[in-house]
Amino acid sequence: SALLGFSQQEFVPNLVICMLAFYHGEI
């Protein structure tokens, strides 16, 4: 959930947001 919260920050690049959206469990 912290990773998902991090992905919602404005400064996070889109590639990182996509990676976190699909692979947040593995990460």
PDB file of all heavy atoms in Angstrom:
ATOM      1  N   SER A   1       0.830  -1.215   0.000  1.00  0.00           N
ATOM      2  CA  SER A   1       0.000   0.000   0.000  1.00  0.00           C
ATOM      3  C   SER A   1       0.860   1.258   0.000  1.00  0.00           C
ATOM      4  O   SER A   1       0.490   2.262  -0.600  1.00  0.00           O
ATOM      5  CB  SER A   1      -0.960  -0.013   1.192  1.00  0.00           C
ATOM      6  OG  SER A   1      -0.251   0.072   2.402  1.00  0.00           O
ATOM      7  N   ALA A   2       2.030   1.202   0.637  1.00  0.00           N
ATOM      8  CA  ALA A   2       2.937   2.353   0.597  1.00  0.00           C
ATOM      9  C   ALA A   2       3.450   2.576  -0.822  1.00  0.00           C
ATOM     10  O   ALA A   2       3.581   3.721  -1.273  1.00  0.00           O
ATOM     11  CB  ALA A   2       4.103   2.141   1.556  1.00  0.00           C
ATOM     12  N   LEU A   3       3.726   1.489  -1.535  1.00  0.00           N
ATOM     13  CA  LEU A   3       4.162   1.619  -2.929  1.00  0.00           C
ATOM     14  C   LEU A   3       3.056   2.214  -3.794  1.00  0.00           C
ATOM     15  O   LEU A   3       3.310   3.053  -4.657  1.00  0.00           O
ATOM     16  CB  LEU A   3       4.593   0.257  -3.488  1.00  0.00           C
ATOM     17  CG  LEU A   3       5.923  -0.292  -2.993  1.00  0.00           C
ATOM     18  CD1 LEU A   3       6.116  -1.724  -3.467  1.00  0.00           C
ATOM     19  CD2 LEU A   3       7.066   0.585  -3.444  1.00  0.00           C
ATOM     20  N   LEU A   4       1.832   1.767  -3.558  1.00  0.00           N
ATOM     21  CA  LEU A   4       0.716   2.326  -4.320  1.00  0.00           C
ATOM     22  C   LEU A   4       0.514   3.798  -3.984  1.00  0.00           C
ATOM     23  O   LEU A   4       0.216   4.606  -4.859  1.00  0.00           O
ATOM     24  CB  LEU A   4      -0.562   1.524  -4.044  1.00  0.00           C
ATOM     25  CG  LEU A   4      -0.607   0.141  -4.668  1.00  0.00           C
ATOM     26  CD1 LEU A   4      -1.843  -0.619  -4.216  1.00  0.00           C
ATOM     27  CD2 LEU A   4      -0.541   0.219  -6.167  1.00  0.00           C
ATOM     28  N   GLY A   5       0.690   4.170  -2.716  1.00  0.00           N
ATOM     29  CA  GLY A   5       0.604   5.576  -2.336  1.00  0.00           C
ATOM     30  C   GLY A   5       1.715   6.399  -2.960  1.00  0.00           C
ATOM     31  O   GLY A   5       1.500   7.537  -3.399  1.00  0.00           O
ATOM     32  N   PHE A   6       2.898   5.815  -3.040  1.00  0.00           N
ATOM     33  CA  PHE A   6       4.035   6.494  -3.674  1.00  0.00           C
ATOM     34  C   PHE A   6       3.760   6.732  -5.153  1.00  0.00           C
ATOM     35  O   PHE A   6       4.134   7.765  -5.706  1.00  0.00           O
ATOM     36  CB  PHE A   6       5.298   5.658  -3.484  1.00  0.00           C
ATOM     37  CG  PHE A   6       6.501   6.198  -4.177  1.00  0.00           C
ATOM     38  CD1 PHE A   6       7.163   7.315  -3.699  1.00  0.00           C
ATOM     39  CD2 PHE A   6       6.980   5.591  -5.336  1.00  0.00           C
ATOM     40  CE1 PHE A   6       8.275   7.810  -4.344  1.00  0.00           C
ATOM     41  CE2 PHE A   6       8.088   6.085  -5.993  1.00  0.00           C
ATOM     42  CZ  PHE A   6       8.736   7.202  -5.492  1.00  0.00           C
ATOM     43  N   SER A   7       3.086   5.768  -5.789  1.00  0.00           N
ATOM     44  CA  SER A   7       2.830   5.904  -7.226  1.00  0.00           C
ATOM     45  C   SER A   7       1.838   7.021  -7.536  1.00  0.00           C
ATOM     46  O   SER A   7       1.735   7.450  -8.677  1.00  0.00           O
ATOM     47  CB  SER A   7       2.317   4.578  -7.797  1.00  0.00           C
ATOM     48  OG  SER A   7       1.022   4.304  -7.313  1.00  0.00           O
ATOM     49  N   GLN A   8       1.114   7.496  -6.550  1.00  0.00           N
ATOM     50  CA  GLN A   8       0.134   8.551  -6.769  1.00  0.00           C
ATOM     51  C   GLN A   8       0.716   9.948  -6.566  1.00  0.00           C
ATOM     52  O   GLN A   8       0.006  10.936  -6.688  1.00  0.00           O
ATOM     53  CB  GLN A   8      -1.074   8.336  -5.851  1.00  0.00           C
ATOM     54  CG  GLN A   8      -1.809   7.056  -6.179  1.00  0.00           C
ATOM     55  CD  GLN A   8      -2.887   6.723  -5.168  1.00  0.00           C
ATOM     56  OE1 GLN A   8      -3.056   7.419  -4.179  1.00  0.00           O
ATOM     57  NE2 GLN A   8      -3.601   5.638  -5.425  1.00  0.00           N
ATOM     58  N   GLN A   9       2.000  10.027  -6.264  1.00  0.00           N
ATOM     59  CA  GLN A   9       2.650  11.325  -6.107  1.00  0.00           C
ATOM     60  C   GLN A   9       2.869  11.946  -7.485  1.00  0.00           C
ATOM     61  O   GLN A   9       3.069  11.252  -8.476  1.00  0.00           O
ATOM     62  CB  GLN A   9       3.991  11.173  -5.378  1.00  0.00           C
ATOM     63  CG  GLN A   9       3.871  10.551  -3.999  1.00  0.00           C
ATOM     64  CD  GLN A   9       3.051  11.393  -3.056  1.00  0.00           C
ATOM     65  OE1 GLN A   9       3.167  12.604  -3.030  1.00  0.00           O
ATOM     66  NE2 GLN A   9       2.190  10.745  -2.278  1.00  0.00           N
ATOM     67  N   GLU A  10       2.877  13.236  -7.532  1.00  0.00           N
ATOM     68  CA  GLU A  10       2.973  13.945  -8.808  1.00  0.00           C
ATOM     69  C   GLU A  10       4.356  13.846  -9.452  1.00  0.00           C
ATOM     70  O   GLU A  10       4.485  13.879 -10.665  1.00  0.00           O
ATOM     71  CB  GLU A  10       2.622  15.420  -8.606  1.00  0.00           C
ATOM     72  CG  GLU A  10       1.172  15.646  -8.276  1.00  0.00           C
ATOM     73  CD  GLU A  10       0.860  17.118  -8.085  1.00  0.00           C
ATOM     74  OE1 GLU A  10       1.665  17.965  -8.509  1.00  0.00           O
ATOM     75  OE2 GLU A  10      -0.193  17.406  -7.509  1.00  0.00           O
ATOM     76  N   PHE A  11       5.403  13.715  -8.658  1.00  0.00           N
ATOM     77  CA  PHE A  11       6.764  13.724  -9.203  1.00  0.00           C
ATOM     78  C   PHE A  11       7.209  12.369  -9.739  1.00  0.00           C
ATOM     79  O   PHE A  11       8.278  12.260 -10.328  1.00  0.00           O
ATOM     80  CB  PHE A  11       7.760  14.208  -8.139  1.00  0.00           C
ATOM     81  CG  PHE A  11       7.807  13.335  -6.911  1.00  0.00           C
ATOM     82  CD1 PHE A  11       8.634  12.223  -6.858  1.00  0.00           C
ATOM     83  CD2 PHE A  11       7.027  13.633  -5.807  1.00  0.00           C
ATOM     84  CE1 PHE A  11       8.677  11.431  -5.738  1.00  0.00           C
ATOM     85  CE2 PHE A  11       7.066  12.846  -4.673  1.00  0.00           C
ATOM     86  CZ  PHE A  11       7.893  11.733  -4.634  1.00  0.00           C
ATOM     87  N   VAL A  12       6.402  11.320  -9.580  1.00  0.00           N
ATOM     88  CA  VAL A  12       6.781   9.982 -10.010  1.00  0.00           C
ATOM     89  C   VAL A  12       6.579   9.854 -11.515  1.00  0.00           C
ATOM     90  O   VAL A  12       5.500  10.174 -12.030  1.00  0.00           O
ATOM     91  CB  VAL A  12       5.955   8.916  -9.254  1.00  0.00           C
ATOM     92  CG1 VAL A  12       6.319   7.525  -9.722  1.00  0.00           C
ATOM     93  CG2 VAL A  12       6.177   9.048  -7.754  1.00  0.00           C
ATOM     94  N   PRO A  13       7.596   9.390 -12.249  1.00  0.00           N
ATOM     95  CA  PRO A  13       7.459   9.235 -13.711  1.00  0.00           C
ATOM     96  C   PRO A  13       6.386   8.198 -14.074  1.00  0.00           C
ATOM     97  O   PRO A  13       6.095   7.284 -13.305  1.00  0.00           O
ATOM     98  CB  PRO A  13       8.841   8.759 -14.155  1.00  0.00           C
ATOM     99  CG  PRO A  13       9.750   9.068 -13.035  1.00  0.00           C
ATOM    100  CD  PRO A  13       8.944   9.098 -11.790  1.00  0.00           C
ATOM    101  N   ASN A  14       5.836   8.349 -15.251  1.00  0.00           N
ATOM    102  CA  ASN A  14       4.758   7.463 -15.704  1.00  0.00           C
ATOM    103  C   ASN A  14       5.203   6.004 -15.786  1.00  0.00           C
ATOM    104  O   ASN A  14       4.422   5.104 -15.496  1.00  0.00           O
ATOM    105  CB  ASN A  14       4.225   7.918 -17.063  1.00  0.00           C
ATOM    106  CG  ASN A  14       3.398   9.182 -16.948  1.00  0.00           C
ATOM    107  OD1 ASN A  14       2.871   9.475 -15.883  1.00  0.00           O
ATOM    108  ND2 ASN A  14       3.297   9.923 -18.040  1.00  0.00           N
ATOM    109  N   LEU A  15       6.437   5.759 -16.191  1.00  0.00           N
ATOM    110  CA  LEU A  15       6.936   4.389 -16.283  1.00  0.00           C
ATOM    111  C   LEU A  15       6.911   3.719 -14.912  1.00  0.00           C
ATOM    112  O   LEU A  15       6.497   2.563 -14.773  1.00  0.00           O
ATOM    113  CB  LEU A  15       8.352   4.381 -16.863  1.00  0.00           C
ATOM    114  CG  LEU A  15       9.025   3.020 -16.955  1.00  0.00           C
ATOM    115  CD1 LEU A  15       8.241   2.112 -17.904  1.00  0.00           C
ATOM    116  CD2 LEU A  15      10.461   3.166 -17.399  1.00  0.00           C
ATOM    117  N   VAL A  16       7.331   4.445 -13.888  1.00  0.00           N
ATOM    118  CA  VAL A  16       7.322   3.903 -12.524  1.00  0.00           C
ATOM    119  C   VAL A  16       5.891   3.661 -12.063  1.00  0.00           C
ATOM    120  O   VAL A  16       5.592   2.644 -11.420  1.00  0.00           O
ATOM    121  CB  VAL A  16       8.084   4.846 -11.556  1.00  0.00           C
ATOM    122  CG1 VAL A  16       7.976   4.360 -10.124  1.00  0.00           C
ATOM    123  CG2 VAL A  16       9.535   4.974 -11.972  1.00  0.00           C
ATOM    124  N   ILE A  17       4.982   4.555 -12.408  1.00  0.00           N
ATOM    125  CA  ILE A  17       3.577   4.393 -12.034  1.00  0.00           C
ATOM    126  C   ILE A  17       3.006   3.127 -12.674  1.00  0.00           C
ATOM    127  O   ILE A  17       2.311   2.342 -12.018  1.00  0.00           O
ATOM    128  CB  ILE A  17       2.756   5.635 -12.449  1.00  0.00           C
ATOM    129  CG1 ILE A  17       3.177   6.837 -11.609  1.00  0.00           C
ATOM    130  CG2 ILE A  17       1.266   5.387 -12.320  1.00  0.00           C
ATOM    131  CD1 ILE A  17       2.585   8.152 -12.067  1.00  0.00           C
ATOM    132  N   CYS A  18       3.319   2.896 -13.936  1.00  0.00           N
ATOM    133  CA  CYS A  18       2.841   1.690 -14.624  1.00  0.00           C
ATOM    134  C   CYS A  18       3.434   0.427 -14.000  1.00  0.00           C
ATOM    135  O   CYS A  18       2.720  -0.563 -13.797  1.00  0.00           O
ATOM    136  CB  CYS A  18       3.184   1.745 -16.108  1.00  0.00           C
ATOM    137  SG  CYS A  18       2.246   2.992 -17.004  1.00  0.00           S
ATOM    138  N   MET A  19       4.727   0.450 -13.705  1.00  0.00           N
ATOM    139  CA  MET A  19       5.363  -0.704 -13.073  1.00  0.00           C
ATOM    140  C   MET A  19       4.725  -1.006 -11.719  1.00  0.00           C
ATOM    141  O   MET A  19       4.451  -2.159 -11.398  1.00  0.00           O
ATOM    142  CB  MET A  19       6.864  -0.470 -12.908  1.00  0.00           C
ATOM    143  CG  MET A  19       7.647  -0.602 -14.176  1.00  0.00           C
ATOM    144  SD  MET A  19       9.412  -0.281 -13.950  1.00  0.00           S
ATOM    145  CE  MET A  19       9.827  -1.381 -12.633  1.00  0.00           C
ATOM    146  N   LEU A  20       4.506   0.036 -10.916  1.00  0.00           N
ATOM    147  CA  LEU A  20       3.898  -0.162  -9.606  1.00  0.00           C
ATOM    148  C   LEU A  20       2.452  -0.630  -9.718  1.00  0.00           C
ATOM    149  O   LEU A  20       1.978  -1.405  -8.883  1.00  0.00           O
ATOM    150  CB  LEU A  20       3.986   1.120  -8.784  1.00  0.00           C
ATOM    151  CG  LEU A  20       5.390   1.493  -8.287  1.00  0.00           C
ATOM    152  CD1 LEU A  20       5.371   2.851  -7.623  1.00  0.00           C
ATOM    153  CD2 LEU A  20       5.930   0.441  -7.347  1.00  0.00           C
ATOM    154  N   ALA A  21       1.739  -0.174 -10.734  1.00  0.00           N
ATOM    155  CA  ALA A  21       0.350  -0.587 -10.912  1.00  0.00           C
ATOM    156  C   ALA A  21       0.249  -2.074 -11.224  1.00  0.00           C
ATOM    157  O   ALA A  21      -0.652  -2.757 -10.724  1.00  0.00           O
ATOM    158  CB  ALA A  21      -0.295   0.236 -12.021  1.00  0.00           C
ATOM    159  N   PHE A  22       1.149  -2.590 -12.050  1.00  0.00           N
ATOM    160  CA  PHE A  22       1.069  -3.987 -12.457  1.00  0.00           C
ATOM    161  C   PHE A  22       1.854  -4.939 -11.545  1.00  0.00           C
ATOM    162  O   PHE A  22       1.479  -6.086 -11.384  1.00  0.00           O
ATOM    163  CB  PHE A  22       1.564  -4.150 -13.904  1.00  0.00           C
ATOM    164  CG  PHE A  22       0.629  -3.566 -14.910  1.00  0.00           C
ATOM    165  CD1 PHE A  22       0.964  -2.407 -15.585  1.00  0.00           C
ATOM    166  CD2 PHE A  22      -0.596  -4.161 -15.176  1.00  0.00           C
ATOM    167  CE1 PHE A  22       0.100  -1.860 -16.513  1.00  0.00           C
ATOM    168  CE2 PHE A  22      -1.467  -3.626 -16.101  1.00  0.00           C
ATOM    169  CZ  PHE A  22      -1.114  -2.464 -16.767  1.00  0.00           C
ATOM    170  N   TYR A  23       2.958  -4.474 -10.968  1.00  0.00           N
ATOM    171  CA  TYR A  23       3.859  -5.375 -10.242  1.00  0.00           C
ATOM    172  C   TYR A  23       4.068  -4.971  -8.786  1.00  0.00           C
ATOM    173  O   TYR A  23       5.098  -5.301  -8.198  1.00  0.00           O
ATOM    174  CB  TYR A  23       5.225  -5.429 -10.941  1.00  0.00           C
ATOM    175  CG  TYR A  23       5.135  -5.915 -12.360  1.00  0.00           C
ATOM    176  CD1 TYR A  23       5.346  -5.043 -13.420  1.00  0.00           C
ATOM    177  CD2 TYR A  23       4.831  -7.246 -12.642  1.00  0.00           C
ATOM    178  CE1 TYR A  23       5.266  -5.484 -14.728  1.00  0.00           C
ATOM    179  CE2 TYR A  23       4.741  -7.691 -13.948  1.00  0.00           C
ATOM    180  CZ  TYR A  23       4.965  -6.805 -14.978  1.00  0.00           C
ATOM    181  OH  TYR A  23       4.879  -7.251 -16.273  1.00  0.00           O
ATOM    182  N   HIS A  24       3.123  -4.262  -8.174  1.00  0.00           N
ATOM    183  CA  HIS A  24       3.349  -3.786  -6.809  1.00  0.00           C
ATOM    184  C   HIS A  24       3.521  -4.940  -5.818  1.00  0.00           C
ATOM    185  O   HIS A  24       4.289  -4.825  -4.878  1.00  0.00           O
ATOM    186  CB  HIS A  24       2.245  -2.830  -6.360  1.00  0.00           C
ATOM    187  CG  HIS A  24       0.874  -3.382  -6.497  1.00  0.00           C
ATOM    188  ND1 HIS A  24       0.169  -3.288  -7.670  1.00  0.00           N
ATOM    189  CD2 HIS A  24       0.079  -4.029  -5.626  1.00  0.00           C
ATOM    190  CE1 HIS A  24      -1.010  -3.855  -7.515  1.00  0.00           C
ATOM    191  NE2 HIS A  24      -1.093  -4.315  -6.281  1.00  0.00           N
ATOM    192  N   GLY A  25       2.859  -6.074  -6.027  1.00  0.00           N
ATOM    193  CA  GLY A  25       3.033  -7.229  -5.139  1.00  0.00           C
ATOM    194  C   GLY A  25       4.433  -7.804  -5.223  1.00  0.00           C
ATOM    195  O   GLY A  25       5.066  -8.084  -4.201  1.00  0.00           O
ATOM    196  N   GLU A  26       4.936  -7.969  -6.445  1.00  0.00           N
ATOM    197  CA  GLU A  26       6.273  -8.517  -6.635  1.00  0.00           C
ATOM    198  C   GLU A  26       7.354  -7.552  -6.138  1.00  0.00           C
ATOM    199  O   GLU A  26       8.341  -7.963  -5.523  1.00  0.00           O
ATOM    200  CB  GLU A  26       6.519  -8.848  -8.115  1.00  0.00           C
ATOM    201  CG  GLU A  26       5.733 -10.036  -8.622  1.00  0.00           C
ATOM    202  CD  GLU A  26       4.317  -9.680  -9.061  1.00  0.00           C
ATOM    203  OE1 GLU A  26       3.910  -8.502  -8.897  1.00  0.00           O
ATOM    204  OE2 GLU A  26       3.606 -10.568  -9.534  1.00  0.00           O
ATOM    205  N   ILE A  27       7.144  -6.270  -6.405  1.00  0.00           N
ATOM    206  CA  ILE A  27       8.115  -5.266  -5.946  1.00  0.00           C
ATOM    207  C   ILE A  27       8.148  -5.220  -4.429  1.00  0.00           C
ATOM    208  O   ILE A  27       9.223  -5.157  -3.820  1.00  0.00           O
ATOM    209  CB  ILE A  27       7.800  -3.885  -6.557  1.00  0.00           C
ATOM    210  CG1 ILE A  27       8.010  -3.925  -8.060  1.00  0.00           C
ATOM    211  CG2 ILE A  27       8.661  -2.794  -5.919  1.00  0.00           C
ATOM    212  CD1 ILE A  27       7.520  -2.698  -8.802  1.00  0.00           C
TER     213      ILE A  27
END
